[in-house]
Amino acid sequence: MPERASQKQAAQASTPAAVAGTVSGEGRWRSSAPLEPGLLPTLRLYIVLSSIGPAFEWRLAHSLLGVRGPLFGVLLPDALFFALLMVYTSWPLCRKKMGAAFLPVALIVKTAQPLVGSYLTLRGFVTPGLWEYFTLLDMVRLAGTYQFILIFAAWQYELPWPMVVAPALTVLNAAAGFPYVQASGPSHALYITILVAQFVVSICTGLAMGLLMRSQRRQAAALDDRNRKLAHYASTVEQLAITQERNRLARELHDTLAHSLSAVAVQIEAGQALSEADPASGKNMIEHALETTRNGLTEARRSLKALRASPLEDLGLGLAVRDLAESVAARAGLKLELNVAAHLENLAPEVEQCVYRVAQEALTNVARHANAASVEVALARENGHVRLTVKDDGCGFDMAAVTHTRYGLRGLHERAATIGGSLIVESKKDRGTMVALELAAA
């Protein structure tokens, strides 16, 4: 139970609602929250795709304005930024060391990249007479680039923050172009138009993305709350079932073993007392004690038999394993290859019980953890031995890492060992898992 509680707490800590719950109210900076799912891979993809932007702009400036210059020199600053950002966003140590500042730093560097690259290009390769036109062209590219920066901010942070970032990016674009656009020149109207368009589009983008993420976080929180309630309900039902079963077993033991043993104890004491004075009566009392012992043993066997898996009683081992395999395969959508021997009669109850439980545990593991497409179940009786094999084509696992820590596998080994059987588990990453049980059929 402590293990189950710790697992449940860990699961709750990793849910979207737990992430959203790192703030005490809407609109606050979620500085301690981890990154939203999918944000970091998308940011890396954007860094890669946006690296072609400077080359496209330079080609456009070349065709429209007649700007000349070496392409390598133009792209070098952006290439350095690209390498820096890819290392920063891909190296786990950076994310660990930066903590809550990891994403803001990445977005700030990405915001500065086009500004620095454009300034160096403007000063190094564009003639002063074309500065104004090149600046207007570059402002259009910056306006588009900053929409993506805004989307990432809205993706991670609560709604008011993208509404603050949107005008800030517009002001940054205006400040970058202001020194090169003459207030009285013919291009000033276009300068204002670009900024107004960027502002309006940024506000709309930030609002739409912010509302979308707010709705998603609320839905995730509601779903997590329902999951917690469902888990609590399931745990309560399980505990109630366990308690009821324990009470039933206690009543069974009290009504059978306890009564029988008490009667035996009284009869033996009476037999001992009568054995000297009346040997015949003492002998008769001992015989009654023996009969009571046999009746108690019969009742104990009946109680233990009631605890066995019911499919074994109803179907027998072969049909029970077949029915179990077909049921699990249908439920998990697995392709089933079944090879169960026709003659499995006259097996000891403990052998049947062990084989069935191992098959049940192995098939459950396939359905829950293997991510397999097919499963093969074979059960045969040859040369005085019963052999069960469950093999899947799933993801497998590292035997050295989990063999001694998984309670399921350890339980299977212990179950097989209690009746003198041997259990073999073979698994490799992405090559599936094979569980084989072999034991004496007697």
Protein backbone atom coordinates (compact mmCIF):
# COMPACT_ATOMS: atom_id res chain seq x y z
CA MET A 1 0.00 0.00 0.00
CA PRO A 2 2.79 2.56 0.67
CA GLU A 3 4.21 1.77 -2.77
CA ARG A 4 0.81 2.25 -4.39
CA ALA A 5 0.33 5.55 -2.56
CA SER A 6 3.74 6.84 -3.68
CA GLN A 7 3.03 5.87 -7.27
CA LYS A 8 -0.32 7.63 -7.12
CA GLN A 9 1.30 10.79 -5.73
CA ALA A 10 3.95 10.72 -8.46
CA ALA A 11 1.28 10.33 -11.12
CA GLN A 12 -0.68 13.26 -9.72
CA ALA A 13 2.45 15.41 -9.63
CA SER A 14 3.04 14.88 -13.34
CA THR A 15 -0.50 15.64 -14.53
CA PRO A 16 -1.38 18.81 -16.46
CA ALA A 17 -3.49 19.99 -13.56
CA ALA A 18 -0.49 19.77 -11.26
CA VAL A 19 1.43 21.86 -13.76
CA ALA A 20 -1.36 24.39 -13.99
CA GLY A 21 -1.63 24.36 -10.23
CA THR A 22 1.83 25.85 -9.78
CA VAL A 23 0.19 29.26 -9.77
CA SER A 24 -2.38 30.44 -7.28
CA GLY A 25 -4.47 32.30 -9.84
CA GLU A 26 -5.00 33.10 -13.49
CA GLY A 27 -2.56 35.43 -15.17
CA ARG A 28 0.48 34.87 -12.99
CA TRP A 29 3.87 33.84 -14.30
CA ARG A 30 4.15 30.06 -13.90
CA SER A 31 7.86 30.24 -13.15
CA SER A 32 8.07 26.92 -11.34
CA ALA A 33 6.01 24.97 -13.89
CA PRO A 34 7.71 22.57 -16.29
CA LEU A 35 7.47 23.16 -20.00
CA GLU A 36 4.14 22.41 -21.64
CA PRO A 37 4.07 19.07 -23.52
CA GLY A 38 5.38 19.40 -27.06
CA LEU A 39 6.70 22.95 -26.65
CA LEU A 40 10.42 22.20 -26.63
CA PRO A 41 10.45 19.95 -29.75
CA THR A 42 8.35 22.55 -31.59
CA LEU A 43 10.75 25.31 -30.54
CA ARG A 44 13.70 23.32 -31.89
CA LEU A 45 11.84 22.75 -35.17
CA TYR A 46 11.14 26.46 -35.42
CA ILE A 47 14.82 27.29 -34.81
CA VAL A 48 15.78 24.98 -37.67
CA LEU A 49 13.14 26.26 -40.10
CA SER A 50 13.71 29.92 -39.27
CA SER A 51 17.41 29.56 -40.11
CA ILE A 52 16.51 29.88 -43.82
CA GLY A 53 14.86 33.27 -43.24
CA PRO A 54 18.03 35.42 -43.57
CA ALA A 55 19.01 33.71 -46.81
CA PHE A 56 15.53 34.30 -48.24
CA GLU A 57 15.60 37.96 -47.20
CA TRP A 58 19.04 38.45 -48.71
CA ARG A 59 17.92 36.94 -52.01
CA LEU A 60 14.86 39.19 -51.94
CA ALA A 61 16.98 42.27 -51.23
CA HIS A 62 19.29 41.23 -54.03
CA SER A 63 16.46 40.97 -56.56
CA LEU A 64 14.42 44.02 -55.43
CA LEU A 65 17.13 46.45 -54.30
CA GLY A 66 20.17 45.18 -56.14
CA VAL A 67 22.11 44.66 -52.91
CA ARG A 68 25.39 42.79 -53.40
CA GLY A 69 27.55 40.93 -50.94
CA PRO A 70 28.92 37.49 -49.95
CA LEU A 71 26.16 35.17 -48.75
CA PHE A 72 28.50 33.51 -46.24
CA GLY A 73 29.20 36.82 -44.51
CA VAL A 74 25.50 37.60 -44.33
CA LEU A 75 24.54 34.22 -42.88
CA LEU A 76 27.45 33.86 -40.43
CA PRO A 77 25.82 35.74 -37.47
CA ASP A 78 22.58 33.78 -37.87
CA ALA A 79 24.53 30.52 -38.13
CA LEU A 80 26.23 31.26 -34.81
CA PHE A 81 22.88 32.03 -33.18
CA PHE A 82 21.44 28.83 -34.67
CA ALA A 83 24.26 26.70 -33.23
CA LEU A 84 23.97 28.41 -29.83
CA LEU A 85 20.20 27.91 -29.63
CA MET A 86 20.31 24.29 -30.76
CA VAL A 87 22.95 23.43 -28.14
CA TYR A 88 21.07 25.38 -25.48
CA THR A 89 17.68 23.79 -26.15
CA SER A 90 19.04 20.25 -26.71
CA TRP A 91 21.47 19.95 -23.80
CA PRO A 92 19.64 18.68 -20.68
CA LEU A 93 22.23 20.28 -18.40
CA CYS A 94 21.25 23.75 -19.63
CA ARG A 95 17.62 23.11 -18.86
CA LYS A 96 18.50 21.75 -15.43
CA LYS A 97 20.79 24.64 -14.52
CA MET A 98 18.55 27.42 -15.87
CA GLY A 99 15.37 26.12 -14.27
CA ALA A 100 12.43 28.49 -14.74
CA ALA A 101 14.60 30.90 -16.78
CA PHE A 102 15.28 28.28 -19.47
CA LEU A 103 12.47 29.23 -21.86
CA PRO A 104 12.61 33.03 -21.35
CA VAL A 105 16.33 33.01 -22.14
CA ALA A 106 15.76 30.94 -25.28
CA LEU A 107 12.99 33.28 -26.49
CA ILE A 108 15.05 36.39 -25.73
CA VAL A 109 18.03 35.02 -27.67
CA LYS A 110 15.75 34.06 -30.54
CA THR A 111 14.25 37.56 -30.49
CA ALA A 112 17.71 39.14 -30.63
CA GLN A 113 18.93 36.90 -33.46
CA PRO A 114 17.20 38.69 -36.39
CA LEU A 115 17.96 42.11 -34.91
CA VAL A 116 21.69 41.43 -34.63
CA GLY A 117 21.86 39.73 -38.02
CA SER A 118 19.97 42.53 -39.77
CA TYR A 119 22.07 45.24 -38.15
CA LEU A 120 25.36 43.61 -39.14
CA THR A 121 24.07 43.00 -42.67
CA LEU A 122 22.81 46.57 -42.98
CA ARG A 123 26.05 48.09 -41.77
CA GLY A 124 28.40 45.71 -43.51
CA PHE A 125 26.88 45.03 -46.93
CA VAL A 126 24.09 47.51 -47.72
CA THR A 127 24.92 50.94 -49.10
CA PRO A 128 23.53 53.92 -47.08
CA GLY A 129 21.22 54.90 -49.91
CA LEU A 130 19.34 51.61 -49.57
CA TRP A 131 19.18 51.51 -45.77
CA GLU A 132 15.60 52.73 -45.58
CA TYR A 133 14.25 50.23 -48.08
CA PHE A 134 16.23 47.36 -46.60
CA THR A 135 14.96 48.31 -43.12
CA LEU A 136 11.33 48.24 -44.25
CA LEU A 137 11.86 44.85 -45.85
CA ASP A 138 13.51 43.61 -42.68
CA MET A 139 10.68 44.96 -40.50
CA VAL A 140 8.21 42.78 -42.38
CA ARG A 141 10.37 39.73 -41.66
CA LEU A 142 10.69 40.70 -38.00
CA ALA A 143 6.94 41.14 -37.69
CA GLY A 144 6.40 37.60 -38.95
CA THR A 145 9.19 36.18 -36.82
CA TYR A 146 7.87 37.77 -33.65
CA GLN A 147 4.46 36.15 -34.14
CA PHE A 148 6.12 32.81 -33.44
CA ILE A 149 7.91 34.19 -30.37
CA LEU A 150 4.50 35.36 -29.15
CA ILE A 151 2.95 31.93 -29.76
CA PHE A 152 5.61 30.21 -27.65
CA ALA A 153 5.09 32.74 -24.84
CA ALA A 154 1.31 32.18 -24.92
CA TRP A 155 1.84 28.43 -25.08
CA GLN A 156 3.77 28.34 -21.80
CA TYR A 157 2.51 31.28 -19.76
CA GLU A 158 -0.89 32.55 -18.60
CA LEU A 159 -3.01 34.89 -20.70
CA PRO A 160 -1.89 38.41 -19.59
CA TRP A 161 1.73 37.68 -20.48
CA PRO A 162 1.27 37.30 -24.26
CA MET A 163 -0.80 40.50 -24.15
CA VAL A 164 2.23 42.23 -22.64
CA VAL A 165 4.73 40.59 -24.98
CA ALA A 166 2.75 41.55 -28.12
CA PRO A 167 3.14 45.35 -27.80
CA ALA A 168 6.69 44.92 -26.47
CA LEU A 169 7.73 43.12 -29.66
CA THR A 170 6.00 45.79 -31.75
CA VAL A 171 7.92 48.52 -29.90
CA LEU A 172 11.15 46.56 -30.43
CA ASN A 173 10.52 46.37 -34.17
CA ALA A 174 9.68 50.08 -34.26
CA ALA A 175 12.88 50.96 -32.40
CA ALA A 176 14.97 48.81 -34.76
CA GLY A 177 13.62 50.60 -37.83
CA PHE A 178 13.27 54.13 -36.45
CA PRO A 179 16.87 55.34 -37.05
CA TYR A 180 16.70 54.40 -40.74
CA VAL A 181 13.23 55.63 -41.77
CA GLN A 182 12.84 59.36 -42.28
CA ALA A 183 9.78 60.86 -40.64
CA SER A 184 9.16 63.14 -43.58
CA GLY A 185 10.06 60.60 -46.24
CA PRO A 186 7.70 58.71 -48.53
CA SER A 187 8.34 55.45 -46.71
CA HIS A 188 7.21 56.67 -43.30
CA ALA A 189 3.56 55.76 -43.99
CA LEU A 190 4.62 52.23 -44.86
CA TYR A 191 6.69 52.14 -41.66
CA ILE A 192 3.61 53.04 -39.60
CA THR A 193 1.44 50.57 -41.53
CA ILE A 194 3.82 47.71 -40.80
CA LEU A 195 3.85 48.52 -37.09
CA VAL A 196 0.07 48.89 -36.84
CA ALA A 197 -0.44 45.61 -38.69
CA GLN A 198 2.08 43.87 -36.45
CA PHE A 199 0.41 45.23 -33.32
CA VAL A 200 -3.11 44.22 -34.36
CA VAL A 201 -2.07 40.76 -35.53
CA SER A 202 0.06 40.23 -32.40
CA ILE A 203 -2.79 41.16 -30.07
CA CYS A 204 -5.16 38.84 -31.91
CA THR A 205 -2.59 36.02 -31.96
CA GLY A 206 -1.73 36.39 -28.28
CA LEU A 207 -5.39 36.57 -27.27
CA ALA A 208 -6.43 33.57 -29.35
CA MET A 209 -3.48 31.42 -28.23
CA GLY A 210 -3.85 32.51 -24.61
CA LEU A 211 -7.56 31.66 -24.52
CA LEU A 212 -6.90 28.33 -26.21
CA MET A 213 -4.21 27.37 -23.68
CA ARG A 214 -6.35 28.58 -20.77
CA SER A 215 -9.19 26.37 -21.95
CA GLN A 216 -6.84 23.43 -22.41
CA ARG A 217 -5.35 23.84 -18.93
CA ARG A 218 -8.81 24.03 -17.35
CA GLN A 219 -9.90 20.91 -19.21
CA ALA A 220 -6.70 19.13 -18.12
CA ALA A 221 -7.30 20.20 -14.51
CA ALA A 222 -10.91 18.97 -14.65
CA LEU A 223 -9.81 15.68 -16.19
CA ASP A 224 -7.12 15.23 -13.57
CA ASP A 225 -9.64 15.93 -10.82
CA ARG A 226 -11.96 13.28 -12.24
CA ASN A 227 -9.05 10.84 -12.49
CA ARG A 228 -8.17 11.42 -8.85
CA LYS A 229 -11.76 10.86 -7.80
CA LEU A 230 -11.96 7.72 -9.92
CA ALA A 231 -8.67 6.43 -8.48
CA HIS A 232 -9.93 7.14 -4.97
CA TYR A 233 -13.19 5.36 -5.73
CA ALA A 234 -11.36 2.36 -7.21
CA SER A 235 -9.06 2.23 -4.19
CA THR A 236 -12.05 2.38 -1.85
CA VAL A 237 -13.82 -0.41 -3.73
CA GLU A 238 -10.66 -2.51 -3.71
CA GLN A 239 -10.16 -2.03 0.01
CA LEU A 240 -13.80 -2.88 0.64
CA ALA A 241 -13.48 -6.05 -1.45
CA ILE A 242 -10.31 -7.03 0.41
CA THR A 243 -11.97 -6.39 3.77
CA GLN A 244 -15.03 -8.42 2.79
CA GLU A 245 -12.86 -11.30 1.59
CA ARG A 246 -10.83 -11.23 4.79
CA ASN A 247 -14.01 -11.30 6.84
CA ARG A 248 -15.33 -14.19 4.76
CA LEU A 249 -12.09 -16.13 5.24
CA ALA A 250 -12.17 -15.38 8.96
CA ARG A 251 -15.70 -16.77 9.18
CA GLU A 252 -14.72 -19.83 7.12
CA LEU A 253 -11.73 -20.54 9.37
CA HIS A 254 -13.77 -19.94 12.51
CA ASP A 255 -16.59 -22.22 11.36
CA THR A 256 -14.29 -24.99 10.16
CA LEU A 257 -10.77 -25.18 11.53
CA ALA A 258 -11.41 -23.37 14.82
CA HIS A 259 -14.46 -25.45 15.73
CA SER A 260 -12.85 -28.69 14.60
CA LEU A 261 -9.60 -28.08 16.45
CA SER A 262 -11.45 -27.04 19.61
CA ALA A 263 -13.55 -30.22 19.46
CA VAL A 264 -10.44 -32.33 18.83
CA ALA A 265 -8.64 -30.75 21.77
CA VAL A 266 -11.60 -31.45 24.12
CA GLN A 267 -11.98 -35.05 22.90
CA ILE A 268 -8.28 -35.82 23.25
CA GLU A 269 -8.23 -34.41 26.79
CA ALA A 270 -11.29 -36.50 27.65
CA GLY A 271 -9.72 -39.58 26.07
CA GLN A 272 -6.57 -39.08 28.11
CA ALA A 273 -8.60 -38.75 31.31
CA LEU A 274 -10.64 -41.89 30.58
CA SER A 275 -7.79 -44.02 29.27
CA GLU A 276 -6.66 -45.09 32.76
CA ALA A 277 -10.07 -45.54 34.43
CA ASP A 278 -12.00 -46.86 31.40
CA PRO A 279 -9.67 -47.81 28.50
CA ALA A 280 -12.61 -48.70 26.22
CA SER A 281 -14.28 -45.31 26.69
CA GLY A 282 -10.92 -43.59 26.23
CA LYS A 283 -10.29 -45.46 23.00
CA ASN A 284 -13.78 -44.57 21.79
CA MET A 285 -13.13 -40.90 22.58
CA ILE A 286 -9.85 -40.98 20.66
CA GLU A 287 -11.67 -42.45 17.66
CA HIS A 288 -14.21 -39.63 17.85
CA ALA A 289 -11.32 -37.15 17.92
CA LEU A 290 -9.81 -38.79 14.83
CA GLU A 291 -13.15 -38.59 13.02
CA THR A 292 -13.52 -34.93 13.97
CA THR A 293 -9.99 -34.28 12.67
CA ARG A 294 -10.85 -35.87 9.31
CA ASN A 295 -14.03 -33.84 9.02
CA GLY A 296 -12.12 -30.66 9.82
CA LEU A 297 -9.50 -31.53 7.21
CA THR A 298 -12.25 -32.05 4.63
CA GLU A 299 -13.76 -28.66 5.48
CA ALA A 300 -10.34 -26.99 5.27
CA ARG A 301 -9.75 -28.50 1.83
CA ARG A 302 -13.18 -27.28 0.73
CA SER A 303 -12.36 -23.75 1.87
CA LEU A 304 -9.00 -23.79 0.12
CA LYS A 305 -10.59 -25.16 -3.02
CA ALA A 306 -12.99 -22.22 -3.02
CA LEU A 307 -10.00 -19.88 -3.29
CA ARG A 308 -8.70 -21.46 -6.50
CA ALA A 309 -9.19 -19.72 -9.84
CA SER A 310 -12.76 -20.45 -10.92
CA PRO A 311 -11.89 -20.90 -14.64
CA LEU A 312 -9.83 -23.95 -13.69
CA GLU A 313 -12.83 -25.52 -12.01
CA ASP A 314 -15.24 -24.65 -14.78
CA LEU A 315 -13.09 -25.30 -17.86
CA GLY A 316 -9.96 -27.18 -16.91
CA LEU A 317 -6.42 -25.91 -17.48
CA GLY A 318 -6.29 -26.10 -21.28
CA LEU A 319 -9.61 -24.35 -21.94
CA ALA A 320 -8.97 -21.87 -19.12
CA VAL A 321 -5.63 -20.79 -20.63
CA ARG A 322 -7.17 -20.67 -24.11
CA ASP A 323 -10.08 -18.54 -22.90
CA LEU A 324 -7.70 -16.25 -20.97
CA ALA A 325 -5.42 -15.73 -23.99
CA GLU A 326 -8.32 -15.01 -26.35
CA SER A 327 -9.88 -12.59 -23.89
CA VAL A 328 -6.64 -10.62 -23.33
CA ALA A 329 -5.81 -10.58 -27.06
CA ALA A 330 -9.28 -9.31 -27.98
CA ARG A 331 -9.21 -6.65 -25.28
CA ALA A 332 -5.72 -5.39 -26.22
CA GLY A 333 -6.14 -5.74 -30.00
CA LEU A 334 -3.36 -8.33 -30.32
CA LYS A 335 -2.91 -10.94 -33.02
CA LEU A 336 -2.99 -14.27 -31.19
CA GLU A 337 -1.12 -17.44 -32.09
CA LEU A 338 -2.42 -20.17 -29.80
CA ASN A 339 -1.04 -23.68 -29.43
CA VAL A 340 -2.59 -25.51 -26.45
CA ALA A 341 -2.25 -29.29 -26.15
CA ALA A 342 -5.45 -31.33 -26.13
CA HIS A 343 -4.46 -33.63 -23.25
CA LEU A 344 -3.70 -31.82 -19.99
CA GLU A 345 -5.79 -33.87 -17.60
CA ASN A 346 -4.81 -35.38 -14.27
CA LEU A 347 -2.51 -32.58 -13.23
CA ALA A 348 -2.04 -31.77 -9.57
CA PRO A 349 -4.13 -28.77 -8.45
CA GLU A 350 -1.02 -26.79 -7.48
CA VAL A 351 0.46 -27.35 -10.96
CA GLU A 352 -2.71 -26.13 -12.66
CA GLN A 353 -2.89 -23.16 -10.34
CA CYS A 354 0.74 -22.19 -10.98
CA VAL A 355 0.47 -22.53 -14.77
CA TYR A 356 -2.73 -20.51 -14.92
CA ARG A 357 -1.43 -17.71 -12.69
CA VAL A 358 1.83 -17.41 -14.64
CA ALA A 359 -0.10 -17.26 -17.92
CA GLN A 360 -2.41 -14.64 -16.44
CA GLU A 361 0.46 -12.45 -15.19
CA ALA A 362 2.47 -12.77 -18.41
CA LEU A 363 -0.49 -11.92 -20.65
CA THR A 364 -1.44 -8.99 -18.42
CA ASN A 365 2.10 -7.62 -18.74
CA VAL A 366 1.92 -7.96 -22.53
CA ALA A 367 -1.36 -6.06 -22.67
CA ARG A 368 -0.26 -3.31 -20.28
CA HIS A 369 3.41 -2.73 -20.99
CA ALA A 370 4.68 -4.49 -24.14
CA ASN A 371 3.04 -2.28 -26.79
CA ALA A 372 3.01 -5.44 -28.92
CA ALA A 373 1.16 -6.28 -32.12
CA SER A 374 1.00 -10.04 -31.59
CA VAL A 375 1.40 -12.63 -28.85
CA GLU A 376 2.11 -16.37 -28.97
CA VAL A 377 0.84 -18.69 -26.25
CA ALA A 378 1.88 -22.35 -26.15
CA LEU A 379 1.00 -24.95 -23.51
CA ALA A 380 2.16 -28.55 -23.85
CA ARG A 381 2.67 -31.68 -21.74
CA GLU A 382 5.62 -33.82 -22.75
CA ASN A 383 7.85 -36.36 -21.02
CA GLY A 384 6.27 -35.83 -17.63
CA HIS A 385 6.63 -32.04 -17.75
CA VAL A 386 4.27 -29.15 -18.48
CA ARG A 387 5.71 -26.21 -20.42
CA LEU A 388 4.00 -22.83 -20.83
CA THR A 389 5.42 -20.20 -23.20
CA VAL A 390 4.14 -16.63 -23.65
CA LYS A 391 6.03 -14.65 -26.31
CA ASP A 392 5.32 -11.17 -27.71
CA ASP A 393 6.87 -8.85 -30.33
CA GLY A 394 6.67 -5.73 -28.18
CA CYS A 395 9.15 -3.15 -26.96
CA GLY A 396 10.90 -5.48 -24.52
CA PHE A 397 13.04 -4.22 -21.64
CA ASP A 398 16.54 -4.29 -20.18
CA MET A 399 16.79 -7.49 -18.12
CA ALA A 400 19.73 -6.23 -16.06
CA ALA A 401 17.84 -3.11 -15.04
CA VAL A 402 14.49 -4.57 -14.00
CA THR A 403 14.79 -8.28 -13.18
CA HIS A 404 15.43 -7.71 -9.49
CA THR A 405 13.13 -4.74 -9.05
CA ARG A 406 9.87 -5.70 -10.72
CA TYR A 407 7.56 -7.32 -8.23
CA GLY A 408 5.62 -9.07 -11.01
CA LEU A 409 8.65 -10.94 -12.33
CA ARG A 410 9.94 -11.72 -8.86
CA GLY A 411 6.50 -13.05 -7.92
CA LEU A 412 6.48 -15.33 -10.96
CA HIS A 413 9.90 -16.74 -10.05
CA GLU A 414 8.80 -17.34 -6.47
CA ARG A 415 5.54 -18.99 -7.56
CA ALA A 416 7.42 -21.37 -9.87
CA ALA A 417 10.01 -22.16 -7.21
CA THR A 418 7.39 -23.12 -4.60
CA ILE A 419 6.37 -26.18 -6.65
CA GLY A 420 9.81 -27.03 -8.01
CA GLY A 421 9.35 -25.41 -11.42
CA SER A 422 11.71 -23.18 -13.39
CA LEU A 423 10.84 -19.84 -14.96
CA ILE A 424 12.86 -18.34 -17.82
CA VAL A 425 12.39 -14.71 -18.88
CA GLU A 426 14.19 -13.42 -21.97
CA SER A 427 13.81 -9.89 -23.29
CA LYS A 428 15.67 -7.36 -25.40
CA LYS A 429 14.90 -3.77 -26.23
CA ASP A 430 12.53 -3.55 -29.23
CA ARG A 431 12.73 -7.34 -29.73
CA GLY A 432 9.94 -8.54 -27.49
CA THR A 433 9.77 -10.71 -24.39
CA MET A 434 9.49 -14.45 -23.79
CA VAL A 435 8.27 -16.02 -20.54
CA ALA A 436 8.65 -19.81 -20.25
CA LEU A 437 7.51 -21.96 -17.31
CA GLU A 438 8.45 -25.63 -17.01
CA LEU A 439 7.50 -27.94 -14.15
CA ALA A 440 6.79 -31.56 -13.36
CA ALA A 441 3.35 -32.77 -14.39
CA ALA A 442 2.87 -35.13 -11.46
